């Protein structure tokens, strides 16, 4: 089980490219900042069309969601998924649906499914 204290280590092992951003003093001190940084990194991969990296980001987030405690699970849902902002266009919605593992997509889609048009 991954705890909030182990989040940065797990992210760095899975995505070494995140190193410089995750290791700043402000980000390193807060799991919420770490997840926000991870969301920004994921969003950049989507905007740049780096699909292999985007898939790796989604798989990392899915693994985090699957292997974390309840508090970290809520943080992933409330910070990482909320900060993705991939639902602004048809293209990004399709990317999420096609590249996200099923569990992560359900967590991502749940808040949007109950919204009124």
N, C-alpha and C. Protein backbone atom coordinates (compact mmCIF):
# COMPACT_ATOMS: atom_id res chain seq x y z
N UNK A 1 0.84 -1.18 0.00
CA UNK A 1 0.00 0.00 0.00
C UNK A 1 0.89 1.25 0.00
N UNK A 2 0.58 2.15 -0.87
CA UNK A 2 1.35 3.39 -1.00
C UNK A 2 0.72 4.44 -0.08
N UNK A 3 1.53 5.04 0.74
CA UNK A 3 1.05 6.08 1.64
C UNK A 3 1.36 7.46 1.04
N UNK A 4 0.73 8.50 1.56
CA UNK A 4 1.05 9.85 1.06
C UNK A 4 2.54 10.18 1.14
N UNK A 5 3.22 9.68 2.17
CA UNK A 5 4.65 9.95 2.33
C UNK A 5 5.49 9.29 1.24
N UNK A 6 4.95 8.25 0.61
CA UNK A 6 5.68 7.52 -0.41
C UNK A 6 5.32 7.94 -1.84
N UNK A 7 4.41 8.88 -1.97
CA UNK A 7 3.91 9.28 -3.27
C UNK A 7 5.01 9.81 -4.18
N UNK A 8 5.81 10.74 -3.71
CA UNK A 8 6.86 11.32 -4.55
C UNK A 8 7.84 10.25 -5.01
N UNK A 9 8.21 9.35 -4.13
CA UNK A 9 9.14 8.27 -4.48
C UNK A 9 8.54 7.41 -5.59
N UNK A 10 7.27 7.04 -5.42
CA UNK A 10 6.61 6.23 -6.44
C UNK A 10 6.53 6.96 -7.78
N UNK A 11 6.16 8.23 -7.74
CA UNK A 11 6.06 9.01 -8.99
C UNK A 11 7.42 9.11 -9.68
N UNK A 12 8.48 9.33 -8.90
CA UNK A 12 9.83 9.44 -9.49
C UNK A 12 10.30 8.12 -10.08
N UNK A 13 9.93 7.01 -9.44
CA UNK A 13 10.30 5.70 -9.98
C UNK A 13 9.57 5.43 -11.29
N UNK A 14 8.30 5.82 -11.35
CA UNK A 14 7.48 5.57 -12.53
C UNK A 14 7.75 6.56 -13.66
N UNK A 15 8.01 7.82 -13.29
CA UNK A 15 8.19 8.89 -14.26
C UNK A 15 9.40 9.75 -13.87
N UNK A 16 10.61 9.26 -14.13
CA UNK A 16 11.80 10.01 -13.74
C UNK A 16 11.84 11.43 -14.31
N UNK A 17 11.13 11.66 -15.41
CA UNK A 17 11.09 13.00 -16.01
C UNK A 17 10.48 14.04 -15.08
N UNK A 18 9.74 13.60 -14.09
CA UNK A 18 9.11 14.50 -13.13
C UNK A 18 10.09 15.02 -12.08
N UNK A 19 11.28 14.47 -12.03
CA UNK A 19 12.26 14.79 -10.99
C UNK A 19 12.44 16.25 -10.65
N UNK A 20 12.78 17.10 -11.60
CA UNK A 20 13.02 18.50 -11.26
C UNK A 20 11.81 19.19 -10.61
N UNK A 21 10.62 18.91 -11.13
CA UNK A 21 9.43 19.56 -10.58
C UNK A 21 9.08 19.02 -9.20
N UNK A 22 9.20 17.71 -9.02
CA UNK A 22 8.81 17.11 -7.73
C UNK A 22 9.79 17.41 -6.61
N UNK A 23 11.01 17.73 -6.93
CA UNK A 23 12.02 17.90 -5.91
C UNK A 23 12.21 19.33 -5.44
N UNK A 24 11.36 20.24 -5.89
CA UNK A 24 11.43 21.60 -5.36
C UNK A 24 10.93 21.56 -3.92
N UNK A 25 11.44 22.40 -3.04
CA UNK A 25 11.03 22.35 -1.63
C UNK A 25 9.52 22.48 -1.41
N UNK A 26 8.87 23.35 -2.15
CA UNK A 26 7.43 23.54 -1.97
C UNK A 26 6.66 22.29 -2.36
N UNK A 27 7.01 21.71 -3.49
CA UNK A 27 6.31 20.53 -3.98
C UNK A 27 6.61 19.31 -3.12
N UNK A 28 7.85 19.12 -2.75
CA UNK A 28 8.25 17.94 -1.98
C UNK A 28 7.55 17.88 -0.62
N UNK A 29 7.16 19.01 -0.08
CA UNK A 29 6.56 19.05 1.26
C UNK A 29 5.09 18.70 1.28
N UNK A 30 4.43 18.60 0.14
CA UNK A 30 2.97 18.42 0.12
C UNK A 30 2.55 17.40 -0.92
N UNK A 31 1.82 16.38 -0.50
CA UNK A 31 1.30 15.39 -1.44
C UNK A 31 0.33 16.05 -2.42
N UNK A 32 -0.38 17.07 -1.99
CA UNK A 32 -1.30 17.78 -2.88
C UNK A 32 -0.52 18.52 -3.98
N UNK A 33 0.59 19.14 -3.61
CA UNK A 33 1.44 19.81 -4.60
C UNK A 33 2.04 18.78 -5.56
N UNK A 34 2.43 17.62 -5.04
CA UNK A 34 2.99 16.57 -5.87
C UNK A 34 1.97 16.09 -6.91
N UNK A 35 0.74 15.88 -6.45
CA UNK A 35 -0.31 15.42 -7.37
C UNK A 35 -0.68 16.51 -8.38
N UNK A 36 -0.66 17.76 -7.95
CA UNK A 36 -0.90 18.87 -8.88
C UNK A 36 0.19 18.95 -9.93
N UNK A 37 1.43 18.76 -9.52
CA UNK A 37 2.57 18.75 -10.44
C UNK A 37 2.44 17.58 -11.43
N UNK A 38 2.04 16.43 -10.92
CA UNK A 38 1.83 15.25 -11.75
C UNK A 38 0.70 15.51 -12.76
N UNK A 39 -0.37 16.16 -12.35
CA UNK A 39 -1.47 16.49 -13.25
C UNK A 39 -1.00 17.45 -14.34
N UNK A 40 -0.22 18.45 -13.98
CA UNK A 40 0.30 19.40 -14.97
C UNK A 40 1.20 18.68 -15.97
N UNK A 41 2.02 17.78 -15.50
CA UNK A 41 2.90 16.99 -16.36
C UNK A 41 2.07 16.14 -17.33
N UNK A 42 1.00 15.52 -16.81
CA UNK A 42 0.11 14.70 -17.63
C UNK A 42 -0.59 15.56 -18.68
N UNK A 43 -1.07 16.71 -18.25
CA UNK A 43 -1.76 17.64 -19.15
C UNK A 43 -0.83 18.10 -20.28
N UNK A 44 0.42 18.38 -19.95
CA UNK A 44 1.40 18.78 -20.96
C UNK A 44 1.63 17.66 -21.97
N UNK A 45 1.72 16.42 -21.49
CA UNK A 45 1.89 15.28 -22.40
C UNK A 45 0.70 15.19 -23.35
N UNK A 46 -0.51 15.43 -22.86
CA UNK A 46 -1.71 15.39 -23.70
C UNK A 46 -1.68 16.51 -24.74
N UNK A 47 -1.35 17.72 -24.30
CA UNK A 47 -1.33 18.86 -25.22
C UNK A 47 -0.25 18.73 -26.29
N UNK A 48 0.85 18.06 -25.93
CA UNK A 48 1.94 17.87 -26.90
C UNK A 48 1.74 16.63 -27.78
N UNK A 49 0.69 15.87 -27.51
CA UNK A 49 0.41 14.67 -28.29
C UNK A 49 1.38 13.54 -28.04
N UNK A 50 1.99 13.53 -26.88
CA UNK A 50 2.94 12.47 -26.51
C UNK A 50 2.16 11.30 -25.90
N UNK A 51 1.56 10.49 -26.77
CA UNK A 51 0.61 9.47 -26.33
C UNK A 51 1.22 8.36 -25.49
N UNK A 52 2.43 7.94 -25.79
CA UNK A 52 3.08 6.90 -24.99
C UNK A 52 3.31 7.41 -23.56
N UNK A 53 3.78 8.65 -23.44
CA UNK A 53 4.00 9.24 -22.12
C UNK A 53 2.66 9.45 -21.41
N UNK A 54 1.65 9.88 -22.13
CA UNK A 54 0.33 10.08 -21.54
C UNK A 54 -0.22 8.77 -21.01
N UNK A 55 -0.08 7.71 -21.76
CA UNK A 55 -0.53 6.39 -21.30
C UNK A 55 0.22 5.99 -20.03
N UNK A 56 1.54 6.23 -19.99
CA UNK A 56 2.33 5.92 -18.80
C UNK A 56 1.84 6.72 -17.59
N UNK A 57 1.52 8.00 -17.81
CA UNK A 57 0.99 8.83 -16.72
C UNK A 57 -0.31 8.25 -16.19
N UNK A 58 -1.21 7.88 -17.10
CA UNK A 58 -2.50 7.33 -16.69
C UNK A 58 -2.32 6.00 -15.96
N UNK A 59 -1.40 5.17 -16.43
CA UNK A 59 -1.15 3.89 -15.77
C UNK A 59 -0.57 4.11 -14.37
N UNK A 60 0.30 5.11 -14.24
CA UNK A 60 0.87 5.44 -12.94
C UNK A 60 -0.22 5.92 -11.99
N UNK A 61 -1.10 6.79 -12.47
CA UNK A 61 -2.20 7.29 -11.64
C UNK A 61 -3.15 6.16 -11.26
N UNK A 62 -3.42 5.26 -12.20
CA UNK A 62 -4.30 4.12 -11.91
C UNK A 62 -3.68 3.22 -10.84
N UNK A 63 -2.39 2.98 -10.97
CA UNK A 63 -1.70 2.16 -9.98
C UNK A 63 -1.72 2.84 -8.61
N UNK A 64 -1.51 4.13 -8.58
CA UNK A 64 -1.60 4.88 -7.33
C UNK A 64 -2.98 4.72 -6.71
N UNK A 65 -4.00 4.89 -7.51
CA UNK A 65 -5.38 4.79 -7.04
C UNK A 65 -5.67 3.39 -6.51
N UNK A 66 -5.12 2.39 -7.14
CA UNK A 66 -5.35 1.00 -6.74
C UNK A 66 -4.60 0.61 -5.48
N UNK A 67 -3.42 1.17 -5.30
CA UNK A 67 -2.54 0.70 -4.22
C UNK A 67 -2.37 1.68 -3.06
N UNK A 68 -3.22 2.67 -2.96
CA UNK A 68 -3.02 3.68 -1.93
C UNK A 68 -4.07 3.56 -0.82
N UNK A 69 -3.80 4.25 0.28
CA UNK A 69 -4.77 4.27 1.36
C UNK A 69 -5.93 5.19 1.00
N UNK A 70 -6.96 5.22 1.85
CA UNK A 70 -8.18 5.98 1.54
C UNK A 70 -7.91 7.47 1.39
N UNK A 71 -7.05 8.03 2.22
CA UNK A 71 -6.74 9.46 2.14
C UNK A 71 -6.05 9.83 0.85
N UNK A 72 -5.10 9.03 0.43
CA UNK A 72 -4.39 9.29 -0.82
C UNK A 72 -5.32 9.06 -2.01
N UNK A 73 -6.20 8.09 -1.91
CA UNK A 73 -7.17 7.84 -2.97
C UNK A 73 -8.04 9.07 -3.19
N UNK A 74 -8.51 9.67 -2.11
CA UNK A 74 -9.31 10.89 -2.24
C UNK A 74 -8.48 12.02 -2.83
N UNK A 75 -7.21 12.10 -2.45
CA UNK A 75 -6.33 13.15 -3.00
C UNK A 75 -6.13 12.96 -4.50
N UNK A 76 -5.96 11.72 -4.94
CA UNK A 76 -5.80 11.45 -6.37
C UNK A 76 -7.06 11.88 -7.11
N UNK A 77 -8.22 11.54 -6.56
CA UNK A 77 -9.48 11.90 -7.21
C UNK A 77 -9.72 13.41 -7.17
N UNK A 78 -9.43 14.04 -6.03
CA UNK A 78 -9.76 15.46 -5.86
C UNK A 78 -8.70 16.43 -6.36
N UNK A 79 -7.46 15.99 -6.45
CA UNK A 79 -6.39 16.87 -6.92
C UNK A 79 -5.95 16.47 -8.33
N UNK A 80 -5.42 15.26 -8.47
CA UNK A 80 -4.89 14.85 -9.77
C UNK A 80 -5.97 14.88 -10.86
N UNK A 81 -7.06 14.17 -10.64
CA UNK A 81 -8.10 14.09 -11.68
C UNK A 81 -8.77 15.44 -11.91
N UNK A 82 -8.97 16.19 -10.85
CA UNK A 82 -9.60 17.51 -10.99
C UNK A 82 -8.70 18.47 -11.77
N UNK A 83 -7.41 18.39 -11.56
CA UNK A 83 -6.46 19.32 -12.20
C UNK A 83 -6.09 18.94 -13.63
N UNK A 84 -6.53 17.78 -14.11
CA UNK A 84 -6.19 17.38 -15.47
C UNK A 84 -6.76 18.32 -16.52
N UNK A 85 -7.97 18.76 -16.34
CA UNK A 85 -8.63 19.66 -17.30
C UNK A 85 -8.58 19.11 -18.71
N UNK A 86 -8.80 17.81 -18.86
CA UNK A 86 -8.79 17.21 -20.19
C UNK A 86 -10.17 17.20 -20.82
N UNK A 87 -11.18 17.65 -20.09
CA UNK A 87 -12.54 17.56 -20.60
C UNK A 87 -12.96 18.80 -21.38
N UNK A 88 -12.04 19.65 -21.71
CA UNK A 88 -12.39 20.88 -22.41
C UNK A 88 -12.61 20.73 -23.90
N UNK A 89 -12.20 19.61 -24.47
CA UNK A 89 -12.38 19.42 -25.91
C UNK A 89 -12.74 17.97 -26.19
N UNK A 90 -13.32 17.76 -27.35
CA UNK A 90 -13.68 16.41 -27.77
C UNK A 90 -12.44 15.54 -27.88
N UNK A 91 -11.37 16.10 -28.41
CA UNK A 91 -10.12 15.35 -28.58
C UNK A 91 -9.59 14.85 -27.24
N UNK A 92 -9.54 15.71 -26.24
CA UNK A 92 -9.01 15.29 -24.94
C UNK A 92 -9.95 14.32 -24.23
N UNK A 93 -11.25 14.46 -24.43
CA UNK A 93 -12.20 13.50 -23.86
C UNK A 93 -11.97 12.13 -24.48
N UNK A 94 -11.73 12.09 -25.77
CA UNK A 94 -11.45 10.83 -26.45
C UNK A 94 -10.14 10.22 -25.97
N UNK A 95 -9.13 11.07 -25.77
CA UNK A 95 -7.86 10.57 -25.25
C UNK A 95 -8.05 9.92 -23.89
N UNK A 96 -8.80 10.58 -23.02
CA UNK A 96 -9.04 10.03 -21.68
C UNK A 96 -9.75 8.69 -21.79
N UNK A 97 -10.78 8.63 -22.60
CA UNK A 97 -11.56 7.40 -22.73
C UNK A 97 -10.72 6.27 -23.32
N UNK A 98 -9.86 6.58 -24.27
CA UNK A 98 -9.08 5.55 -24.95
C UNK A 98 -7.83 5.12 -24.19
N UNK A 99 -7.20 6.04 -23.47
CA UNK A 99 -5.90 5.73 -22.87
C UNK A 99 -5.95 5.45 -21.37
N UNK A 100 -6.98 5.93 -20.68
CA UNK A 100 -7.05 5.69 -19.24
C UNK A 100 -7.48 4.25 -18.97
N UNK A 101 -6.83 3.60 -18.00
CA UNK A 101 -7.34 2.31 -17.54
C UNK A 101 -8.77 2.49 -17.01
N UNK A 102 -9.57 1.44 -17.05
CA UNK A 102 -11.00 1.51 -16.74
C UNK A 102 -11.28 2.11 -15.36
N UNK A 103 -10.57 1.69 -14.33
CA UNK A 103 -10.82 2.19 -12.97
C UNK A 103 -10.55 3.69 -12.88
N UNK A 104 -9.46 4.14 -13.47
CA UNK A 104 -9.13 5.56 -13.45
C UNK A 104 -10.16 6.36 -14.24
N UNK A 105 -10.60 5.83 -15.38
CA UNK A 105 -11.59 6.54 -16.17
C UNK A 105 -12.92 6.67 -15.42
N UNK A 106 -13.32 5.61 -14.70
CA UNK A 106 -14.55 5.70 -13.90
C UNK A 106 -14.44 6.79 -12.85
N UNK A 107 -13.29 6.88 -12.19
CA UNK A 107 -13.08 7.93 -11.18
C UNK A 107 -13.05 9.30 -11.83
N UNK A 108 -12.46 9.40 -13.01
CA UNK A 108 -12.38 10.67 -13.74
C UNK A 108 -13.75 11.10 -14.24
N UNK A 109 -14.50 10.15 -14.74
CA UNK A 109 -15.79 10.45 -15.37
C UNK A 109 -16.91 10.67 -14.36
N UNK A 110 -16.82 10.09 -13.18
CA UNK A 110 -17.91 10.15 -12.19
C UNK A 110 -18.39 11.57 -11.89
N UNK A 111 -17.53 12.54 -11.59
CA UNK A 111 -18.04 13.87 -11.31
C UNK A 111 -18.73 14.54 -12.50
N UNK A 112 -18.30 14.17 -13.71
CA UNK A 112 -18.86 14.78 -14.91
C UNK A 112 -20.17 14.14 -15.32
N UNK A 113 -20.41 12.91 -14.91
CA UNK A 113 -21.61 12.19 -15.31
C UNK A 113 -22.88 12.77 -14.67
N UNK A 114 -22.74 13.38 -13.51
CA UNK A 114 -23.90 13.89 -12.80
C UNK A 114 -24.18 15.36 -13.06
N UNK A 115 -23.43 15.99 -13.93
CA UNK A 115 -23.62 17.41 -14.20
C UNK A 115 -24.79 17.62 -15.16
N UNK A 116 -25.53 18.66 -14.93
CA UNK A 116 -26.61 19.02 -15.83
C UNK A 116 -26.05 19.71 -17.06
N UNK A 117 -26.71 19.56 -18.22
CA UNK A 117 -26.18 20.21 -19.43
C UNK A 117 -26.23 21.71 -19.36
